[in-house]
């Protein structure tokens, strides 16, 4: 089961009333209207952008992701990454997104 960031970033193109349903469907690995998901990379990279349908594969059921943002399309996902990077740079003066997101949880 995928985990979600406490301060989940949402694309402005996703209506407020559909957000809980999208989040629930991602959590229980049910087919949903395709959207794009920003997840922390488990390696040395910062963030990964996945199509939500890719997360239905058995690999991702066995290896769940930590989701930090959800967007309606790829352009929206890229915009969220820019927003996170800008916030990180303004606060820390660098682009270590993993560290920035972890500090916001505490």
N, C-alpha and C. Protein backbone atom coordinates (compact mmCIF):
# COMPACT_ATOMS: atom_id res chain seq x y z
N UNK A 1 0.84 -1.17 0.00
CA UNK A 1 0.00 0.00 0.00
C UNK A 1 0.89 1.24 0.00
N UNK A 2 0.63 2.12 -0.95
CA UNK A 2 1.43 3.34 -1.05
C UNK A 2 1.18 4.25 0.15
N UNK A 3 2.22 4.98 0.51
CA UNK A 3 2.09 5.96 1.59
C UNK A 3 2.05 7.35 0.97
N UNK A 4 1.45 8.28 1.69
CA UNK A 4 1.28 9.62 1.17
C UNK A 4 1.94 10.64 2.08
N UNK A 5 2.49 11.66 1.46
CA UNK A 5 3.12 12.77 2.16
C UNK A 5 2.06 13.54 2.95
N UNK A 6 2.43 13.98 4.13
CA UNK A 6 1.49 14.70 4.99
C UNK A 6 0.97 15.96 4.31
N UNK A 7 1.82 16.66 3.59
CA UNK A 7 1.46 17.89 2.89
C UNK A 7 1.44 17.62 1.39
N UNK A 8 0.58 16.72 0.97
CA UNK A 8 0.52 16.25 -0.41
C UNK A 8 0.30 17.43 -1.37
N UNK A 9 1.10 17.48 -2.43
CA UNK A 9 0.96 18.50 -3.46
C UNK A 9 -0.06 18.03 -4.49
N UNK A 10 -0.99 18.91 -4.84
CA UNK A 10 -2.04 18.59 -5.82
C UNK A 10 -1.94 19.56 -6.99
N UNK A 11 -2.19 19.03 -8.18
CA UNK A 11 -2.29 19.84 -9.38
C UNK A 11 -3.59 20.65 -9.31
N UNK A 12 -3.54 21.87 -9.75
CA UNK A 12 -4.73 22.72 -9.71
C UNK A 12 -5.83 22.24 -10.67
N UNK A 13 -5.49 21.36 -11.62
CA UNK A 13 -6.47 20.85 -12.57
C UNK A 13 -7.28 19.68 -12.03
N UNK A 14 -6.97 19.21 -10.84
CA UNK A 14 -7.75 18.13 -10.22
C UNK A 14 -8.75 18.78 -9.28
N UNK A 15 -10.05 18.57 -9.52
CA UNK A 15 -11.06 19.20 -8.66
C UNK A 15 -10.96 18.71 -7.22
N UNK A 16 -11.28 19.59 -6.32
CA UNK A 16 -11.20 19.30 -4.88
C UNK A 16 -12.05 18.09 -4.50
N UNK A 17 -13.21 17.95 -5.09
CA UNK A 17 -14.12 16.87 -4.70
C UNK A 17 -13.67 15.50 -5.18
N UNK A 18 -12.74 15.42 -6.15
CA UNK A 18 -12.25 14.13 -6.64
C UNK A 18 -10.96 13.67 -5.96
N UNK A 19 -10.37 14.52 -5.18
CA UNK A 19 -9.05 14.22 -4.61
C UNK A 19 -9.07 13.05 -3.64
N UNK A 20 -10.04 12.97 -2.76
CA UNK A 20 -10.09 11.87 -1.81
C UNK A 20 -10.26 10.54 -2.52
N UNK A 21 -11.09 10.51 -3.55
CA UNK A 21 -11.32 9.27 -4.30
C UNK A 21 -10.05 8.82 -5.04
N UNK A 22 -9.36 9.76 -5.65
CA UNK A 22 -8.11 9.44 -6.36
C UNK A 22 -7.09 8.89 -5.37
N UNK A 23 -6.97 9.54 -4.23
CA UNK A 23 -6.01 9.10 -3.21
C UNK A 23 -6.36 7.70 -2.71
N UNK A 24 -7.65 7.44 -2.47
CA UNK A 24 -8.07 6.12 -2.00
C UNK A 24 -7.77 5.05 -3.04
N UNK A 25 -8.06 5.33 -4.31
CA UNK A 25 -7.81 4.35 -5.38
C UNK A 25 -6.32 4.06 -5.53
N UNK A 26 -5.48 5.07 -5.36
CA UNK A 26 -4.04 4.83 -5.41
C UNK A 26 -3.59 3.99 -4.22
N UNK A 27 -4.18 4.25 -3.07
CA UNK A 27 -3.79 3.53 -1.86
C UNK A 27 -4.12 2.05 -1.94
N UNK A 28 -5.27 1.70 -2.51
CA UNK A 28 -5.69 0.29 -2.57
C UNK A 28 -5.40 -0.35 -3.92
N UNK A 29 -4.67 0.35 -4.78
CA UNK A 29 -4.27 -0.16 -6.10
C UNK A 29 -5.46 -0.55 -6.96
N UNK A 30 -6.41 0.34 -7.07
CA UNK A 30 -7.55 0.14 -7.95
C UNK A 30 -7.37 0.99 -9.20
N UNK A 31 -7.92 0.51 -10.30
CA UNK A 31 -7.84 1.26 -11.56
C UNK A 31 -8.57 2.59 -11.40
N UNK A 32 -7.97 3.62 -11.91
CA UNK A 32 -8.49 4.97 -11.78
C UNK A 32 -8.30 5.68 -13.11
N UNK A 33 -8.90 6.83 -13.26
CA UNK A 33 -8.58 7.65 -14.41
C UNK A 33 -7.09 7.96 -14.33
N UNK A 34 -6.40 7.87 -15.45
CA UNK A 34 -4.95 8.09 -15.40
C UNK A 34 -4.59 9.49 -14.87
N UNK A 35 -3.64 9.52 -13.98
CA UNK A 35 -3.08 10.76 -13.50
C UNK A 35 -1.58 10.52 -13.33
N UNK A 36 -0.85 11.51 -12.95
CA UNK A 36 0.59 11.36 -12.75
C UNK A 36 0.92 11.57 -11.28
N UNK A 37 1.83 10.74 -10.80
CA UNK A 37 2.16 10.69 -9.39
C UNK A 37 3.64 11.02 -9.22
N UNK A 38 3.95 11.90 -8.28
CA UNK A 38 5.33 12.20 -7.92
C UNK A 38 5.67 11.41 -6.68
N UNK A 39 6.72 10.61 -6.76
CA UNK A 39 7.12 9.77 -5.64
C UNK A 39 8.60 9.95 -5.37
N UNK A 40 8.97 9.77 -4.11
CA UNK A 40 10.40 9.82 -3.76
C UNK A 40 11.11 8.64 -4.39
N UNK A 41 12.27 8.92 -4.93
CA UNK A 41 13.09 7.87 -5.51
C UNK A 41 13.83 7.16 -4.40
N UNK A 42 13.94 5.85 -4.50
CA UNK A 42 14.62 5.09 -3.46
C UNK A 42 16.14 5.10 -3.64
N UNK A 43 16.60 5.54 -4.80
CA UNK A 43 18.03 5.61 -5.05
C UNK A 43 18.57 7.00 -4.77
N UNK A 44 19.52 7.42 -5.58
CA UNK A 44 20.16 8.71 -5.36
C UNK A 44 19.43 9.86 -6.03
N UNK A 45 18.52 9.57 -6.95
CA UNK A 45 17.75 10.63 -7.59
C UNK A 45 16.77 11.24 -6.59
N UNK A 46 16.13 12.31 -6.99
CA UNK A 46 15.24 13.04 -6.09
C UNK A 46 13.81 12.52 -6.16
N UNK A 47 13.13 12.76 -7.29
CA UNK A 47 11.73 12.40 -7.45
C UNK A 47 11.52 11.64 -8.75
N UNK A 48 10.54 10.76 -8.75
CA UNK A 48 10.13 10.05 -9.95
C UNK A 48 8.72 10.50 -10.30
N UNK A 49 8.43 10.53 -11.60
CA UNK A 49 7.08 10.81 -12.06
C UNK A 49 6.56 9.54 -12.73
N UNK A 50 5.45 9.03 -12.20
CA UNK A 50 4.84 7.80 -12.72
C UNK A 50 3.43 8.10 -13.22
N UNK A 51 3.05 7.40 -14.28
CA UNK A 51 1.64 7.36 -14.65
C UNK A 51 0.97 6.46 -13.62
N UNK A 52 -0.19 6.82 -13.14
CA UNK A 52 -0.83 6.06 -12.07
C UNK A 52 -1.14 4.62 -12.48
N UNK A 53 -1.31 4.38 -13.78
CA UNK A 53 -1.60 3.01 -14.23
C UNK A 53 -0.38 2.11 -14.08
N UNK A 54 0.82 2.67 -14.10
CA UNK A 54 2.04 1.88 -13.90
C UNK A 54 2.08 1.33 -12.47
N UNK A 55 1.53 2.09 -11.53
CA UNK A 55 1.55 1.66 -10.13
C UNK A 55 0.66 0.45 -9.86
N UNK A 56 -0.14 0.04 -10.83
CA UNK A 56 -0.99 -1.15 -10.67
C UNK A 56 -0.20 -2.44 -10.89
N UNK A 57 1.00 -2.36 -11.43
CA UNK A 57 1.80 -3.55 -11.67
C UNK A 57 2.18 -4.21 -10.36
N UNK A 58 2.37 -5.51 -10.41
CA UNK A 58 2.64 -6.27 -9.19
C UNK A 58 3.93 -5.81 -8.50
N UNK A 59 4.92 -5.34 -9.25
CA UNK A 59 6.16 -4.85 -8.65
C UNK A 59 5.87 -3.73 -7.65
N UNK A 60 5.00 -2.80 -8.03
CA UNK A 60 4.72 -1.66 -7.16
C UNK A 60 3.79 -2.03 -6.01
N UNK A 61 3.06 -3.12 -6.14
CA UNK A 61 2.28 -3.60 -5.00
C UNK A 61 3.21 -4.18 -3.94
N UNK A 62 4.28 -4.82 -4.39
CA UNK A 62 5.25 -5.40 -3.46
C UNK A 62 6.24 -4.36 -2.94
N UNK A 63 6.45 -3.31 -3.74
CA UNK A 63 7.39 -2.23 -3.40
C UNK A 63 6.67 -0.90 -3.48
N UNK A 64 5.86 -0.57 -2.47
CA UNK A 64 5.07 0.66 -2.54
C UNK A 64 5.94 1.91 -2.52
N UNK A 65 5.41 2.97 -3.04
CA UNK A 65 6.10 4.24 -3.13
C UNK A 65 5.57 5.23 -2.10
N UNK A 66 6.40 6.22 -1.80
CA UNK A 66 6.00 7.33 -0.94
C UNK A 66 5.62 8.47 -1.87
N UNK A 67 4.34 8.77 -1.96
CA UNK A 67 3.81 9.73 -2.93
C UNK A 67 3.77 11.12 -2.30
N UNK A 68 4.36 12.10 -3.02
CA UNK A 68 4.39 13.47 -2.52
C UNK A 68 3.53 14.42 -3.33
N UNK A 69 3.08 14.00 -4.51
CA UNK A 69 2.26 14.88 -5.33
C UNK A 69 1.46 14.11 -6.36
N UNK A 70 0.32 14.69 -6.76
CA UNK A 70 -0.55 14.07 -7.76
C UNK A 70 -0.97 15.16 -8.73
N UNK A 71 -0.85 14.85 -10.04
CA UNK A 71 -1.19 15.82 -11.08
C UNK A 71 -2.08 15.16 -12.13
N UNK A 72 -2.82 15.98 -12.85
CA UNK A 72 -3.72 15.48 -13.88
C UNK A 72 -2.97 15.04 -15.13
N UNK A 73 -1.86 15.69 -15.43
CA UNK A 73 -1.09 15.35 -16.63
C UNK A 73 0.40 15.56 -16.35
N UNK A 74 1.23 15.20 -17.33
CA UNK A 74 2.67 15.28 -17.13
C UNK A 74 3.13 16.73 -16.92
N UNK A 75 2.52 17.65 -17.66
CA UNK A 75 2.89 19.07 -17.51
C UNK A 75 2.58 19.55 -16.09
N UNK A 76 1.47 19.12 -15.54
CA UNK A 76 1.13 19.47 -14.17
C UNK A 76 2.11 18.88 -13.18
N UNK A 77 2.57 17.65 -13.44
CA UNK A 77 3.56 17.02 -12.57
C UNK A 77 4.88 17.79 -12.62
N UNK A 78 5.28 18.21 -13.81
CA UNK A 78 6.52 19.00 -13.95
C UNK A 78 6.39 20.33 -13.22
N UNK A 79 5.20 20.92 -13.25
CA UNK A 79 4.97 22.18 -12.56
C UNK A 79 5.08 22.01 -11.04
N UNK A 80 4.60 20.88 -10.53
CA UNK A 80 4.71 20.60 -9.10
C UNK A 80 6.18 20.42 -8.70
N UNK A 81 6.95 19.74 -9.55
CA UNK A 81 8.39 19.57 -9.27
C UNK A 81 9.06 20.94 -9.22
N UNK A 82 8.71 21.83 -10.15
CA UNK A 82 9.27 23.19 -10.14
C UNK A 82 8.89 23.93 -8.85
N UNK A 83 7.65 23.76 -8.43
CA UNK A 83 7.18 24.42 -7.21
C UNK A 83 7.95 23.91 -5.99
N UNK A 84 8.13 22.61 -5.89
CA UNK A 84 8.88 22.03 -4.76
C UNK A 84 10.33 22.51 -4.79
N UNK A 85 10.93 22.52 -5.98
CA UNK A 85 12.33 22.96 -6.10
C UNK A 85 12.47 24.43 -5.71
N UNK A 86 11.52 25.26 -6.12
CA UNK A 86 11.57 26.68 -5.77
C UNK A 86 11.43 26.88 -4.27
N UNK A 87 10.52 26.14 -3.63
CA UNK A 87 10.36 26.23 -2.18
C UNK A 87 11.63 25.77 -1.47
N UNK A 88 12.21 24.69 -1.96
CA UNK A 88 13.43 24.14 -1.36
C UNK A 88 14.57 25.14 -1.47
N UNK A 89 14.73 25.74 -2.65
CA UNK A 89 15.81 26.69 -2.86
C UNK A 89 15.62 27.94 -2.00
N UNK A 90 14.38 28.39 -1.90
CA UNK A 90 14.11 29.59 -1.09
C UNK A 90 14.40 29.35 0.38
N UNK A 91 14.12 28.15 0.86
CA UNK A 91 14.31 27.87 2.28
C UNK A 91 15.73 27.43 2.63
N UNK A 92 16.33 26.56 1.79
CA UNK A 92 17.63 25.97 2.13
C UNK A 92 18.79 26.46 1.27
N UNK A 93 18.50 27.06 0.13
CA UNK A 93 19.57 27.51 -0.75
C UNK A 93 20.18 26.41 -1.58
N UNK A 94 19.55 25.25 -1.63
CA UNK A 94 20.03 24.15 -2.46
C UNK A 94 18.83 23.43 -3.09
N UNK A 95 19.09 22.34 -3.78
CA UNK A 95 18.02 21.62 -4.45
C UNK A 95 17.91 20.18 -3.94
N UNK A 96 18.19 19.96 -2.68
CA UNK A 96 18.06 18.62 -2.10
C UNK A 96 16.59 18.43 -1.69
N UNK A 97 15.79 17.97 -2.65
CA UNK A 97 14.35 17.87 -2.44
C UNK A 97 13.98 16.84 -1.38
N UNK A 98 14.69 15.73 -1.35
CA UNK A 98 14.41 14.70 -0.34
C UNK A 98 14.58 15.24 1.07
N UNK A 99 15.67 15.94 1.28
CA UNK A 99 15.95 16.52 2.60
C UNK A 99 14.89 17.56 2.96
N UNK A 100 14.54 18.40 2.00
CA UNK A 100 13.53 19.44 2.24
C UNK A 100 12.18 18.83 2.61
N UNK A 101 11.74 17.81 1.88
CA UNK A 101 10.46 17.18 2.15
C UNK A 101 10.48 16.45 3.49
N UNK A 102 11.61 15.84 3.84
CA UNK A 102 11.72 15.15 5.13
C UNK A 102 11.68 16.15 6.29
N UNK A 103 12.28 17.31 6.12
CA UNK A 103 12.28 18.32 7.17
C UNK A 103 10.88 18.89 7.42
N UNK A 104 10.07 18.94 6.38
CA UNK A 104 8.71 19.48 6.53
C UNK A 104 7.83 18.53 7.33
N UNK A 105 8.14 17.26 7.34
CA UNK A 105 7.34 16.28 8.09
C UNK A 105 7.54 16.47 9.59
N UNK A 106 8.75 16.77 9.98
CA UNK A 106 9.08 16.89 11.41
C UNK A 106 8.51 18.11 12.05
